[in-house]
Amino acid sequence: MRPSSPTKSSSPRKLLFLSKDSNVTSFTGWDVDGRLNEFESQFKVMKEAFEGTVTDRKAMEEAIDLAKNRGMCLEVVATRVEC
């Protein structure tokens, strides 16, 4: 009977590099789904910022209109008092 051979351990996994001269092991540039998801999340943040800006602008325009109307009313009152 032959002696049983020791079980072979799996050889270390060979790392894949972008090119033979590089030390880059992750191919993030080719991860289209990841890049697309990141782009979409950044777009969502930017869109929310723009929507907030538009809302702020409308509120500011309303405040300016109210101030103008109040100023005109005060001018009318002031001219009545002068007479």
PDB file of N, CA and C in Angstrom:
ATOM      1  N   MET A   1       0.809  -1.162   0.000  1.00  0.00           N
ATOM      2  CA  MET A   1       0.000   0.000   0.000  1.00  0.00           C
ATOM      3  C   MET A   1       0.870   1.250   0.000  1.00  0.00           C
ATOM      4  N   ARG A   2       0.441   2.217  -0.744  1.00  0.00           N
ATOM      5  CA  ARG A   2       1.193   3.472  -0.848  1.00  0.00           C
ATOM      6  C   ARG A   2       0.793   4.398   0.285  1.00  0.00           C
ATOM      7  N   PRO A   3       1.762   5.134   0.775  1.00  0.00           N
ATOM      8  CA  PRO A   3       1.390   6.117   1.778  1.00  0.00           C
ATOM      9  C   PRO A   3       0.582   7.237   1.111  1.00  0.00           C
ATOM     10  N   SER A   4      -0.394   7.725   1.816  1.00  0.00           N
ATOM     11  CA  SER A   4      -1.233   8.773   1.228  1.00  0.00           C
ATOM     12  C   SER A   4      -0.440  10.077   1.162  1.00  0.00           C
ATOM     13  N   SER A   5      -0.608  10.756   0.069  1.00  0.00           N
ATOM     14  CA  SER A   5       0.109  12.016  -0.112  1.00  0.00           C
ATOM     15  C   SER A   5      -0.620  13.118   0.647  1.00  0.00           C
ATOM     16  N   PRO A   6       0.138  14.057   1.143  1.00  0.00           N
ATOM     17  CA  PRO A   6      -0.523  15.166   1.853  1.00  0.00           C
ATOM     18  C   PRO A   6      -1.410  15.953   0.880  1.00  0.00           C
ATOM     19  N   THR A   7      -2.465  16.467   1.397  1.00  0.00           N
ATOM     20  CA  THR A   7      -3.353  17.225   0.531  1.00  0.00           C
ATOM     21  C   THR A   7      -2.650  18.496   0.091  1.00  0.00           C
ATOM     22  N   LYS A   8      -2.818  18.766  -1.161  1.00  0.00           N
ATOM     23  CA  LYS A   8      -2.183  19.968  -1.711  1.00  0.00           C
ATOM     24  C   LYS A   8      -2.989  21.181  -1.289  1.00  0.00           C
ATOM     25  N   SER A   9      -2.276  22.157  -0.793  1.00  0.00           N
ATOM     26  CA  SER A   9      -2.969  23.406  -0.488  1.00  0.00           C
ATOM     27  C   SER A   9      -3.157  24.169  -1.784  1.00  0.00           C
ATOM     28  N   SER A  10      -4.209  24.894  -1.836  1.00  0.00           N
ATOM     29  CA  SER A  10      -4.445  25.643  -3.063  1.00  0.00           C
ATOM     30  C   SER A  10      -3.343  26.686  -3.216  1.00  0.00           C
ATOM     31  N   SER A  11      -2.902  26.851  -4.421  1.00  0.00           N
ATOM     32  CA  SER A  11      -1.832  27.815  -4.682  1.00  0.00           C
ATOM     33  C   SER A  11      -2.377  29.221  -4.489  1.00  0.00           C
ATOM     34  N   PRO A  12      -1.511  30.139  -4.119  1.00  0.00           N
ATOM     35  CA  PRO A  12      -1.991  31.506  -3.939  1.00  0.00           C
ATOM     36  C   PRO A  12      -2.612  32.032  -5.227  1.00  0.00           C
ATOM     37  N   ARG A  13      -3.664  32.782  -5.061  1.00  0.00           N
ATOM     38  CA  ARG A  13      -4.378  33.308  -6.225  1.00  0.00           C
ATOM     39  C   ARG A  13      -3.530  34.366  -6.900  1.00  0.00           C
ATOM     40  N   LYS A  14      -3.430  34.264  -8.187  1.00  0.00           N
ATOM     41  CA  LYS A  14      -2.643  35.215  -8.958  1.00  0.00           C
ATOM     42  C   LYS A  14      -3.446  36.507  -9.112  1.00  0.00           C
ATOM     43  N   LEU A  15      -2.813  37.623  -8.771  1.00  0.00           N
ATOM     44  CA  LEU A  15      -3.480  38.910  -8.910  1.00  0.00           C
ATOM     45  C   LEU A  15      -3.489  39.336 -10.367  1.00  0.00           C
ATOM     46  N   LEU A  16      -4.597  39.880 -10.775  1.00  0.00           N
ATOM     47  CA  LEU A  16      -4.701  40.402 -12.134  1.00  0.00           C
ATOM     48  C   LEU A  16      -4.438  41.898 -12.099  1.00  0.00           C
ATOM     49  N   PHE A  17      -3.610  42.353 -12.983  1.00  0.00           N
ATOM     50  CA  PHE A  17      -3.258  43.763 -13.057  1.00  0.00           C
ATOM     51  C   PHE A  17      -3.810  44.361 -14.336  1.00  0.00           C
ATOM     52  N   LEU A  18      -3.934  45.680 -14.327  1.00  0.00           N
ATOM     53  CA  LEU A  18      -4.453  46.378 -15.493  1.00  0.00           C
ATOM     54  C   LEU A  18      -3.561  46.143 -16.709  1.00  0.00           C
ATOM     55  N   SER A  19      -2.279  46.188 -16.500  1.00  0.00           N
ATOM     56  CA  SER A  19      -1.325  45.858 -17.558  1.00  0.00           C
ATOM     57  C   SER A  19      -0.121  45.198 -16.908  1.00  0.00           C
ATOM     58  N   LYS A  20       0.776  44.663 -17.703  1.00  0.00           N
ATOM     59  CA  LYS A  20       1.918  43.961 -17.115  1.00  0.00           C
ATOM     60  C   LYS A  20       2.873  44.909 -16.409  1.00  0.00           C
ATOM     61  N   ASP A  21       2.823  46.187 -16.724  1.00  0.00           N
ATOM     62  CA  ASP A  21       3.722  47.152 -16.100  1.00  0.00           C
ATOM     63  C   ASP A  21       3.058  47.954 -14.985  1.00  0.00           C
ATOM     64  N   SER A  22       1.837  47.649 -14.653  1.00  0.00           N
ATOM     65  CA  SER A  22       1.150  48.453 -13.642  1.00  0.00           C
ATOM     66  C   SER A  22       1.029  47.679 -12.337  1.00  0.00           C
ATOM     67  N   ASN A  23       0.738  48.412 -11.292  1.00  0.00           N
ATOM     68  CA  ASN A  23       0.439  47.762 -10.020  1.00  0.00           C
ATOM     69  C   ASN A  23      -1.012  48.008  -9.627  1.00  0.00           C
ATOM     70  N   VAL A  24      -1.825  48.360 -10.598  1.00  0.00           N
ATOM     71  CA  VAL A  24      -3.246  48.617 -10.372  1.00  0.00           C
ATOM     72  C   VAL A  24      -3.989  47.296 -10.480  1.00  0.00           C
ATOM     73  N   THR A  25      -4.634  46.897  -9.382  1.00  0.00           N
ATOM     74  CA  THR A  25      -5.349  45.619  -9.407  1.00  0.00           C
ATOM     75  C   THR A  25      -6.852  45.788  -9.557  1.00  0.00           C
ATOM     76  N   SER A  26      -7.369  46.971  -9.285  1.00  0.00           N
ATOM     77  CA  SER A  26      -8.811  47.163  -9.423  1.00  0.00           C
ATOM     78  C   SER A  26      -9.094  47.942 -10.703  1.00  0.00           C
ATOM     79  N   PHE A  27     -10.019  47.473 -11.446  1.00  0.00           N
ATOM     80  CA  PHE A  27     -10.338  48.076 -12.739  1.00  0.00           C
ATOM     81  C   PHE A  27     -11.549  48.991 -12.583  1.00  0.00           C
ATOM     82  N   THR A  28     -11.409  49.992 -11.759  1.00  0.00           N
ATOM     83  CA  THR A  28     -12.544  50.876 -11.497  1.00  0.00           C
ATOM     84  C   THR A  28     -12.972  51.641 -12.739  1.00  0.00           C
ATOM     85  N   GLY A  29     -12.061  51.879 -13.657  1.00  0.00           N
ATOM     86  CA  GLY A  29     -12.395  52.607 -14.868  1.00  0.00           C
ATOM     87  C   GLY A  29     -13.353  51.836 -15.755  1.00  0.00           C
ATOM     88  N   TRP A  30     -13.396  50.531 -15.585  1.00  0.00           N
ATOM     89  CA  TRP A  30     -14.257  49.718 -16.434  1.00  0.00           C
ATOM     90  C   TRP A  30     -15.541  49.320 -15.724  1.00  0.00           C
ATOM     91  N   ASP A  31     -15.721  49.764 -14.492  1.00  0.00           N
ATOM     92  CA  ASP A  31     -16.917  49.450 -13.722  1.00  0.00           C
ATOM     93  C   ASP A  31     -18.037  50.406 -14.130  1.00  0.00           C
ATOM     94  N   VAL A  32     -18.696  50.096 -15.233  1.00  0.00           N
ATOM     95  CA  VAL A  32     -19.709  50.989 -15.799  1.00  0.00           C
ATOM     96  C   VAL A  32     -20.892  51.147 -14.846  1.00  0.00           C
ATOM     97  N   ASP A  33     -21.362  50.050 -14.267  1.00  0.00           N
ATOM     98  CA  ASP A  33     -22.520  50.126 -13.367  1.00  0.00           C
ATOM     99  C   ASP A  33     -22.208  50.985 -12.148  1.00  0.00           C
ATOM    100  N   GLY A  34     -21.046  50.803 -11.568  1.00  0.00           N
ATOM    101  CA  GLY A  34     -20.664  51.598 -10.410  1.00  0.00           C
ATOM    102  C   GLY A  34     -20.544  53.071 -10.744  1.00  0.00           C
ATOM    103  N   ARG A  35     -19.921  53.352 -11.870  1.00  0.00           N
ATOM    104  CA  ARG A  35     -19.767  54.749 -12.287  1.00  0.00           C
ATOM    105  C   ARG A  35     -21.122  55.372 -12.589  1.00  0.00           C
ATOM    106  N   LEU A  36     -22.008  54.627 -13.221  1.00  0.00           N
ATOM    107  CA  LEU A  36     -23.344  55.138 -13.537  1.00  0.00           C
ATOM    108  C   LEU A  36     -24.136  55.404 -12.264  1.00  0.00           C
ATOM    109  N   ASN A  37     -24.060  54.493 -11.299  1.00  0.00           N
ATOM    110  CA  ASN A  37     -24.756  54.703 -10.020  1.00  0.00           C
ATOM    111  C   ASN A  37     -24.223  55.937  -9.311  1.00  0.00           C
ATOM    112  N   GLU A  38     -22.909  56.127  -9.321  1.00  0.00           N
ATOM    113  CA  GLU A  38     -22.329  57.308  -8.679  1.00  0.00           C
ATOM    114  C   GLU A  38     -22.778  58.583  -9.387  1.00  0.00           C
ATOM    115  N   PHE A  39     -22.794  58.549 -10.717  1.00  0.00           N
ATOM    116  CA  PHE A  39     -23.247  59.714 -11.489  1.00  0.00           C
ATOM    117  C   PHE A  39     -24.694  60.051 -11.163  1.00  0.00           C
ATOM    118  N   GLU A  40     -25.535  59.022 -11.089  1.00  0.00           N
ATOM    119  CA  GLU A  40     -26.944  59.255 -10.795  1.00  0.00           C
ATOM    120  C   GLU A  40     -27.135  59.835  -9.398  1.00  0.00           C
ATOM    121  N   SER A  41     -26.368  59.354  -8.428  1.00  0.00           N
ATOM    122  CA  SER A  41     -26.512  59.891  -7.069  1.00  0.00           C
ATOM    123  C   SER A  41     -26.017  61.337  -7.007  1.00  0.00           C
ATOM    124  N   GLN A  42     -24.928  61.657  -7.710  1.00  0.00           N
ATOM    125  CA  GLN A  42     -24.449  63.036  -7.748  1.00  0.00           C
ATOM    126  C   GLN A  42     -25.448  63.938  -8.460  1.00  0.00           C
ATOM    127  N   PHE A  43     -26.062  63.441  -9.526  1.00  0.00           N
ATOM    128  CA  PHE A  43     -27.074  64.210 -10.244  1.00  0.00           C
ATOM    129  C   PHE A  43     -28.273  64.498  -9.346  1.00  0.00           C
ATOM    130  N   LYS A  44     -28.683  63.503  -8.548  1.00  0.00           N
ATOM    131  CA  LYS A  44     -29.811  63.691  -7.651  1.00  0.00           C
ATOM    132  C   LYS A  44     -29.510  64.775  -6.623  1.00  0.00           C
ATOM    133  N   VAL A  45     -28.307  64.766  -6.068  1.00  0.00           N
ATOM    134  CA  VAL A  45     -27.918  65.786  -5.088  1.00  0.00           C
ATOM    135  C   VAL A  45     -27.929  67.166  -5.741  1.00  0.00           C
ATOM    136  N   MET A  46     -27.390  67.273  -6.958  1.00  0.00           N
ATOM    137  CA  MET A  46     -27.354  68.554  -7.656  1.00  0.00           C
ATOM    138  C   MET A  46     -28.764  69.037  -7.988  1.00  0.00           C
ATOM    139  N   LYS A  47     -29.622  68.130  -8.413  1.00  0.00           N
ATOM    140  CA  LYS A  47     -31.005  68.489  -8.749  1.00  0.00           C
ATOM    141  C   LYS A  47     -31.729  69.016  -7.514  1.00  0.00           C
ATOM    142  N   GLU A  48     -31.536  68.360  -6.371  1.00  0.00           N
ATOM    143  CA  GLU A  48     -32.164  68.824  -5.130  1.00  0.00           C
ATOM    144  C   GLU A  48     -31.648  70.204  -4.742  1.00  0.00           C
ATOM    145  N   ALA A  49     -30.362  70.448  -4.967  1.00  0.00           N
ATOM    146  CA  ALA A  49     -29.793  71.761  -4.647  1.00  0.00           C
ATOM    147  C   ALA A  49     -30.417  72.831  -5.540  1.00  0.00           C
ATOM    148  N   PHE A  50     -30.578  72.547  -6.833  1.00  0.00           N
ATOM    149  CA  PHE A  50     -31.193  73.506  -7.744  1.00  0.00           C
ATOM    150  C   PHE A  50     -32.651  73.762  -7.382  1.00  0.00           C
ATOM    151  N   GLU A  51     -33.379  72.698  -7.026  1.00  0.00           N
ATOM    152  CA  GLU A  51     -34.779  72.870  -6.653  1.00  0.00           C
ATOM    153  C   GLU A  51     -34.896  73.742  -5.409  1.00  0.00           C
ATOM    154  N   GLY A  52     -33.985  73.553  -4.464  1.00  0.00           N
ATOM    155  CA  GLY A  52     -33.973  74.393  -3.270  1.00  0.00           C
ATOM    156  C   GLY A  52     -33.687  75.839  -3.612  1.00  0.00           C
ATOM    157  N   THR A  53     -32.796  76.055  -4.565  1.00  0.00           N
ATOM    158  CA  THR A  53     -32.454  77.410  -4.988  1.00  0.00           C
ATOM    159  C   THR A  53     -33.642  78.093  -5.640  1.00  0.00           C
ATOM    160  N   VAL A  54     -34.372  77.368  -6.465  1.00  0.00           N
ATOM    161  CA  VAL A  54     -35.554  77.933  -7.129  1.00  0.00           C
ATOM    162  C   VAL A  54     -36.603  78.305  -6.086  1.00  0.00           C
ATOM    163  N   THR A  55     -36.804  77.451  -5.103  1.00  0.00           N
ATOM    164  CA  THR A  55     -37.768  77.741  -4.040  1.00  0.00           C
ATOM    165  C   THR A  55     -37.346  78.977  -3.253  1.00  0.00           C
ATOM    166  N   ASP A  56     -36.061  79.055  -2.920  1.00  0.00           N
ATOM    167  CA  ASP A  56     -35.544  80.224  -2.198  1.00  0.00           C
ATOM    168  C   ASP A  56     -35.719  81.494  -3.018  1.00  0.00           C
ATOM    169  N   ARG A  57     -35.495  81.390  -4.318  1.00  0.00           N
ATOM    170  CA  ARG A  57     -35.622  82.555  -5.188  1.00  0.00           C
ATOM    171  C   ARG A  57     -37.062  83.066  -5.196  1.00  0.00           C
ATOM    172  N   LYS A  58     -38.015  82.135  -5.314  1.00  0.00           N
ATOM    173  CA  LYS A  58     -39.422  82.539  -5.327  1.00  0.00           C
ATOM    174  C   LYS A  58     -39.801  83.206  -4.019  1.00  0.00           C
ATOM    175  N   ALA A  59     -39.337  82.665  -2.906  1.00  0.00           N
ATOM    176  CA  ALA A  59     -39.640  83.261  -1.600  1.00  0.00           C
ATOM    177  C   ALA A  59     -39.030  84.653  -1.497  1.00  0.00           C
ATOM    178  N   MET A  60     -37.814  84.810  -2.007  1.00  0.00           N
ATOM    179  CA  MET A  60     -37.149  86.120  -1.960  1.00  0.00           C
ATOM    180  C   MET A  60     -37.875  87.126  -2.853  1.00  0.00           C
ATOM    181  N   GLU A  61     -38.333  86.703  -4.027  1.00  0.00           N
ATOM    182  CA  GLU A  61     -39.079  87.609  -4.910  1.00  0.00           C
ATOM    183  C   GLU A  61     -40.377  88.062  -4.253  1.00  0.00           C
ATOM    184  N   GLU A  62     -41.048  87.140  -3.564  1.00  0.00           N
ATOM    185  CA  GLU A  62     -42.284  87.518  -2.865  1.00  0.00           C
ATOM    186  C   GLU A  62     -41.992  88.520  -1.756  1.00  0.00           C
ATOM    187  N   ALA A  63     -40.904  88.301  -1.022  1.00  0.00           N
ATOM    188  CA  ALA A  63     -40.538  89.228   0.058  1.00  0.00           C
ATOM    189  C   ALA A  63     -40.210  90.612  -0.506  1.00  0.00           C
ATOM    190  N   ILE A  64     -39.543  90.661  -1.644  1.00  0.00           N
ATOM    191  CA  ILE A  64     -39.208  91.946  -2.278  1.00  0.00           C
ATOM    192  C   ILE A  64     -40.480  92.657  -2.736  1.00  0.00           C
ATOM    193  N   ASP A  65     -41.402  91.914  -3.339  1.00  0.00           N
ATOM    194  CA  ASP A  65     -42.675  92.518  -3.770  1.00  0.00           C
ATOM    195  C   ASP A  65     -43.448  93.082  -2.583  1.00  0.00           C
ATOM    196  N   LEU A  66     -43.486  92.335  -1.485  1.00  0.00           N
ATOM    197  CA  LEU A  66     -44.170  92.833  -0.290  1.00  0.00           C
ATOM    198  C   LEU A  66     -43.505  94.105   0.238  1.00  0.00           C
ATOM    199  N   ALA A  67     -42.176  94.132   0.234  1.00  0.00           N
ATOM    200  CA  ALA A  67     -41.458  95.316   0.712  1.00  0.00           C
ATOM    201  C   ALA A  67     -41.725  96.512  -0.198  1.00  0.00           C
ATOM    202  N   LYS A  68     -41.765  96.275  -1.517  1.00  0.00           N
ATOM    203  CA  LYS A  68     -42.061  97.371  -2.451  1.00  0.00           C
ATOM    204  C   LYS A  68     -43.464  97.914  -2.209  1.00  0.00           C
ATOM    205  N   ASN A  69     -44.424  97.015  -2.061  1.00  0.00           N
ATOM    206  CA  ASN A  69     -45.803  97.454  -1.804  1.00  0.00           C
ATOM    207  C   ASN A  69     -45.895  98.224  -0.498  1.00  0.00           C
ATOM    208  N   ARG A  70     -45.228  97.750   0.518  1.00  0.00           N
ATOM    209  CA  ARG A  70     -45.231  98.441   1.809  1.00  0.00           C
ATOM    210  C   ARG A  70     -44.597  99.825   1.664  1.00  0.00           C
ATOM    211  N   GLY A  71     -43.503  99.903   0.904  1.00  0.00           N
ATOM    212  CA  GLY A  71     -42.859 101.197   0.666  1.00  0.00           C
ATOM    213  C   GLY A  71     -43.774 102.167  -0.050  1.00  0.00           C
ATOM    214  N   MET A  72     -44.505 101.671  -1.065  1.00  0.00           N
ATOM    215  CA  MET A  72     -45.435 102.542  -1.790  1.00  0.00           C
ATOM    216  C   MET A  72     -46.560 103.025  -0.872  1.00  0.00           C
ATOM    217  N   CYS A  73     -47.064 102.136  -0.020  1.00  0.00           N
ATOM    218  CA  CYS A  73     -48.122 102.534   0.919  1.00  0.00           C
ATOM    219  C   CYS A  73     -47.610 103.603   1.879  1.00  0.00           C
ATOM    220  N   LEU A  74     -46.397 103.441   2.359  1.00  0.00           N
ATOM    221  CA  LEU A  74     -45.829 104.438   3.267  1.00  0.00           C
ATOM    222  C   LEU A  74     -45.619 105.772   2.572  1.00  0.00           C
ATOM    223  N   GLU A  75     -45.247 105.752   1.287  1.00  0.00           N
ATOM    224  CA  GLU A  75     -45.087 106.981   0.538  1.00  0.00           C
ATOM    225  C   GLU A  75     -46.429 107.695   0.391  1.00  0.00           C
ATOM    226  N   VAL A  76     -47.491 106.929   0.115  1.00  0.00           N
ATOM    227  CA  VAL A  76     -48.828 107.512  -0.025  1.00  0.00           C
ATOM    228  C   VAL A  76     -49.254 108.139   1.305  1.00  0.00           C
ATOM    229  N   VAL A  77     -49.022 107.458   2.384  1.00  0.00           N
ATOM    230  CA  VAL A  77     -49.371 107.981   3.713  1.00  0.00           C
ATOM    231  C   VAL A  77     -48.547 109.240   3.990  1.00  0.00           C
ATOM    232  N   ALA A  78     -47.276 109.232   3.645  1.00  0.00           N
ATOM    233  CA  ALA A  78     -46.412 110.381   3.893  1.00  0.00           C
ATOM    234  C   ALA A  78     -46.867 111.594   3.090  1.00  0.00           C
ATOM    235  N   THR A  79     -47.293 111.406   1.842  1.00  0.00           N
ATOM    236  CA  THR A  79     -47.755 112.553   1.034  1.00  0.00           C
ATOM    237  C   THR A  79     -49.069 113.110   1.563  1.00  0.00           C
ATOM    238  N   ARG A  80     -49.925 112.242   2.125  1.00  0.00           N
ATOM    239  CA  ARG A  80     -51.193 112.698   2.698  1.00  0.00           C
ATOM    240  C   ARG A  80     -50.930 113.541   3.946  1.00  0.00           C
ATOM    241  N   VAL A  81     -49.937 113.143   4.726  1.00  0.00           N
ATOM    242  CA  VAL A  81     -49.629 113.865   5.963  1.00  0.00           C
ATOM    243  C   VAL A  81     -49.047 115.230   5.637  1.00  0.00           C
ATOM    244  N   GLU A  82     -48.284 115.324   4.563  1.00  0.00           N
ATOM    245  CA  GLU A  82     -47.646 116.597   4.204  1.00  0.00           C
ATOM    246  C   GLU A  82     -48.675 117.628   3.752  1.00  0.00           C
ATOM    247  N   CYS A  83     -49.785 117.207   3.197  1.00  0.00           N
ATOM    248  CA  CYS A  83     -50.772 118.162   2.671  1.00  0.00           C
ATOM    249  C   CYS A  83     -51.552 118.847   3.741  1.00  0.00           C
TER     250      CYS A  83
END
